[in-house]
Amino acid sequence: MATYSMGDLKKGLKIELDGVPYKVVEYQHVKPGKGAAFVRAKIKSFIDGKVLEKTFHAGDKADQPNLEEKQMQYLYDDGEYCQFMDTATYEQVAISDDDVGDVKKWMIDGMMVDILFHNGKAIGVEVPQVVELKIVETPPNFKGDTQGGKKPATLESGAVVQIPFHVLEGEVIRVDTVRGEYIERANK
C-alpha cells in the first residue's frame, strides 16, 4: 500500500487516516515567516460525507485507501436497504438507505450505478450525472402558459424538479442529478 507525505497532497487525492477513507477537496501550502511549512487541507469522508480541516506537517504520512469502484445494477428498495447486483457475477449487495443518501431519489429499478467499496465493504453509491426519467405527475397547461415559466413535475423515481410549461406528463426528460435540474426532453 502506498504512503503519501505532505508534498504529495493535491485536490482529488484519495487518502486514508485512522482507517477512514477521505478525498482531498481543497488544499493550501502555507509557508510562514517563522517555522516549517505545512499544508492546510479540507478532506471529505467517503463514509459519512463530513468535511474536516486537517493540517499536515513535514513528516506526516497518509495511506492510500483500499478503494474499488464497481458498476452494479439497482434492483429494488426493501424499505431498509437498497439491493444491487453485479451483472457479471450475479452477486448481490445490500446498502442501507442512509449510506445511499440523496442519490436514491434519482434511482429506478434496473439502473446501472457505481458502487464504491472500502476494504470489501460497500460505502457509497454514485448515479450518472445525467439520467433520463419519465414524468408521472405535473399540472396541466393552461392557455397563456407559454412564456418561460416553470412548474413542478414528479418523476418516476419520486424526485420533483421544475420543468418548463410546454413539457407534459408522460414525457421522458433528461435531468442533471448534481444540480437537480431539468436539462431537456429526451428524444425517444
Protein backbone atom coordinates (compact mmCIF):
# COMPACT_ATOMS: atom_id res chain seq x y z
CA MET A 1 0.00 0.00 0.00
CA ALA A 2 1.36 3.41 -0.99
CA THR A 3 2.01 6.12 1.58
CA TYR A 4 1.60 9.82 0.90
CA SER A 5 3.57 12.63 2.54
CA MET A 6 2.77 16.32 2.88
CA GLY A 7 4.25 17.15 -0.54
CA ASP A 8 2.06 14.57 -2.34
CA LEU A 9 -1.25 16.17 -1.32
CA LYS A 10 -3.34 17.66 -4.11
CA LYS A 11 -7.00 18.21 -4.90
CA GLY A 12 -8.84 14.97 -5.69
CA LEU A 13 -6.27 12.69 -4.00
CA LYS A 14 -7.78 9.81 -2.01
CA ILE A 15 -6.12 9.16 1.37
CA GLU A 16 -6.79 7.05 4.45
CA LEU A 17 -6.39 8.33 8.00
CA ASP A 18 -7.16 6.15 11.05
CA GLY A 19 -8.89 3.56 8.85
CA VAL A 20 -11.28 6.09 7.25
CA PRO A 21 -11.02 6.93 3.51
CA TYR A 22 -11.06 10.62 2.57
CA LYS A 23 -10.84 12.72 -0.58
CA VAL A 24 -8.84 15.96 -0.56
CA VAL A 25 -11.31 18.64 -1.71
CA GLU A 26 -9.13 21.69 -1.07
CA TYR A 27 -5.56 22.27 0.00
CA GLN A 28 -3.25 25.19 0.63
CA HIS A 29 0.53 25.08 1.05
CA VAL A 30 1.46 27.52 3.85
CA LYS A 31 4.98 28.80 4.39
CA PRO A 32 5.00 31.05 7.47
CA GLY A 33 7.79 33.56 8.10
CA LYS A 34 8.97 31.51 11.08
CA GLY A 35 8.86 27.77 11.40
CA ALA A 36 8.38 24.93 8.95
CA ALA A 37 5.96 24.89 6.02
CA PHE A 38 2.73 22.92 6.32
CA VAL A 39 -0.34 22.02 4.27
CA ARG A 40 -3.83 23.00 5.39
CA ALA A 41 -6.38 20.73 3.69
CA LYS A 42 -10.10 20.14 3.65
CA ILE A 43 -10.84 16.44 3.38
CA LYS A 44 -14.22 14.77 2.82
CA SER A 45 -15.03 11.39 4.34
CA PHE A 46 -16.31 8.70 1.96
CA ILE A 47 -18.12 7.07 4.90
CA ASP A 48 -20.33 9.89 6.24
CA GLY A 49 -19.64 12.77 3.83
CA LYS A 50 -18.37 15.11 6.55
CA VAL A 51 -15.72 17.66 5.60
CA LEU A 52 -12.83 18.15 8.02
CA GLU A 53 -9.98 20.63 8.11
CA LYS A 54 -6.65 18.95 8.74
CA THR A 55 -3.14 20.34 8.96
CA PHE A 56 -0.30 18.20 7.62
CA HIS A 57 3.26 18.92 8.76
CA ALA A 58 6.52 17.67 7.25
CA GLY A 59 6.88 14.01 8.19
CA ASP A 60 3.12 13.34 8.48
CA LYS A 61 2.01 10.34 6.45
CA ALA A 62 -1.31 9.21 5.00
CA ASP A 63 -2.02 5.82 3.47
CA GLN A 64 -3.59 5.04 0.11
CA PRO A 65 -7.08 3.66 0.83
CA ASN A 66 -8.16 0.28 -0.48
CA LEU A 67 -10.99 1.63 -2.65
CA GLU A 68 -12.67 -0.19 -5.51
CA GLU A 69 -15.48 1.03 -7.74
CA LYS A 70 -17.85 -1.42 -9.43
CA GLN A 71 -20.71 -0.79 -11.79
CA MET A 72 -23.79 -2.58 -10.48
CA GLN A 73 -27.49 -2.73 -11.27
CA TYR A 74 -30.01 -1.24 -8.83
CA LEU A 75 -32.67 -3.89 -8.20
CA TYR A 76 -35.11 -2.53 -5.58
CA ASP A 77 -35.52 -0.91 -2.16
CA ASP A 78 -36.83 -3.25 0.53
CA GLY A 79 -37.64 -0.39 2.93
CA GLU A 80 -34.37 -0.54 4.89
CA TYR A 81 -31.78 -1.44 2.28
CA CYS A 82 -31.27 -0.83 -1.41
CA GLN A 83 -30.37 -4.02 -3.26
CA PHE A 84 -27.74 -4.01 -6.02
CA MET A 85 -26.43 -6.77 -8.29
CA ASP A 86 -23.12 -7.27 -10.06
CA THR A 87 -24.28 -8.16 -13.59
CA ALA A 88 -21.13 -10.21 -14.27
CA THR A 89 -21.20 -12.46 -11.18
CA TYR A 90 -24.86 -12.05 -10.11
CA GLU A 91 -23.58 -11.31 -6.60
CA GLN A 92 -25.96 -9.07 -4.64
CA VAL A 93 -25.06 -6.28 -2.21
CA ALA A 94 -27.39 -4.52 0.24
CA ILE A 95 -26.62 -0.91 1.21
CA SER A 96 -28.62 0.90 3.89
CA ASP A 97 -30.80 3.81 2.82
CA ASP A 98 -28.64 6.13 4.97
CA ASP A 99 -25.45 5.08 3.13
CA VAL A 100 -27.14 5.53 -0.26
CA GLY A 101 -28.14 9.08 0.70
CA ASP A 102 -29.70 11.69 -1.58
CA VAL A 103 -28.83 9.89 -4.83
CA LYS A 104 -31.68 7.46 -4.08
CA LYS A 105 -34.22 9.95 -5.46
CA TRP A 106 -32.67 9.56 -8.94
CA MET A 107 -32.58 5.72 -8.99
CA ILE A 108 -35.11 3.48 -10.72
CA ASP A 109 -35.20 -0.31 -10.89
CA GLY A 110 -32.70 -1.69 -13.41
CA MET A 111 -30.49 1.43 -13.50
CA MET A 112 -26.71 0.96 -13.62
CA VAL A 113 -24.88 2.82 -10.82
CA ASP A 114 -21.33 2.93 -9.44
CA ILE A 115 -20.80 1.38 -6.00
CA LEU A 116 -17.73 2.40 -4.00
CA PHE A 117 -16.16 -0.32 -1.83
CA HIS A 118 -13.64 0.24 1.00
CA ASN A 119 -11.84 -2.92 2.15
CA GLY A 120 -14.58 -5.01 0.52
CA LYS A 121 -17.49 -3.16 2.24
CA ALA A 122 -19.90 -1.07 0.16
CA ILE A 123 -19.78 2.53 1.40
CA GLY A 124 -21.42 4.65 -1.29
CA VAL A 125 -23.46 4.92 -4.45
CA GLU A 126 -22.98 7.28 -7.38
CA VAL A 127 -25.57 7.73 -10.13
CA PRO A 128 -24.75 9.06 -13.60
CA GLN A 129 -24.64 12.88 -13.80
CA VAL A 130 -27.42 12.88 -16.41
CA VAL A 131 -30.35 10.48 -16.18
CA GLU A 132 -33.48 10.05 -18.29
CA LEU A 133 -36.69 9.78 -16.26
CA LYS A 134 -40.40 9.78 -17.12
CA ILE A 135 -42.72 12.47 -15.74
CA VAL A 136 -45.53 10.75 -13.81
CA GLU A 137 -47.30 13.84 -12.49
CA THR A 138 -47.36 17.54 -13.40
CA PRO A 139 -50.10 20.17 -13.56
CA PRO A 140 -51.80 20.58 -16.95
CA ASN A 141 -51.01 23.53 -19.21
CA PHE A 142 -53.40 26.45 -19.45
CA LYS A 143 -53.83 28.99 -22.22
CA GLY A 144 -51.16 31.65 -21.80
CA ASP A 145 -48.65 29.33 -20.05
CA THR A 146 -46.13 29.70 -22.84
CA GLN A 147 -43.90 32.48 -21.57
CA GLY A 148 -40.84 30.90 -19.93
CA GLY A 149 -42.37 29.90 -16.60
CA LYS A 150 -41.77 26.70 -14.66
CA LYS A 151 -43.97 24.13 -12.96
CA PRO A 152 -43.18 21.21 -10.61
CA ALA A 153 -43.01 17.69 -12.02
CA THR A 154 -42.83 14.40 -10.12
CA LEU A 155 -40.59 11.86 -11.85
CA GLU A 156 -40.87 8.06 -11.87
CA SER A 157 -38.07 7.88 -9.28
CA GLY A 158 -40.00 10.11 -6.87
CA ALA A 159 -37.82 13.20 -7.35
CA VAL A 160 -39.50 16.56 -8.02
CA VAL A 161 -37.92 19.03 -10.46
CA GLN A 162 -39.03 22.31 -12.05
CA ILE A 163 -39.82 21.96 -15.76
CA PRO A 164 -40.95 24.40 -18.48
CA PHE A 165 -44.71 24.71 -19.06
CA HIS A 166 -44.54 23.09 -22.53
CA VAL A 167 -43.30 19.74 -21.14
CA LEU A 168 -46.17 17.34 -20.42
CA GLU A 169 -46.94 14.38 -18.18
CA GLY A 170 -45.77 11.07 -19.66
CA GLU A 171 -42.75 12.60 -21.44
CA VAL A 172 -39.19 11.44 -20.74
CA ILE A 173 -36.75 14.18 -19.75
CA ARG A 174 -33.04 14.46 -19.03
CA VAL A 175 -32.13 15.64 -15.53
CA ASP A 176 -28.81 16.81 -14.06
CA THR A 177 -28.51 14.78 -10.83
CA VAL A 178 -25.79 17.01 -9.35
CA ARG A 179 -27.82 20.24 -9.56
CA GLY A 180 -31.24 18.54 -9.53
CA GLU A 181 -32.38 20.44 -12.62
CA TYR A 182 -34.24 19.78 -15.87
CA ILE A 183 -31.94 19.81 -18.91
CA GLU A 184 -34.12 18.89 -21.92
CA ARG A 185 -36.63 16.45 -23.34
CA ALA A 186 -35.19 13.07 -24.21
CA ASN A 187 -35.55 12.12 -27.87
CA LYS A 188 -37.21 8.73 -27.80
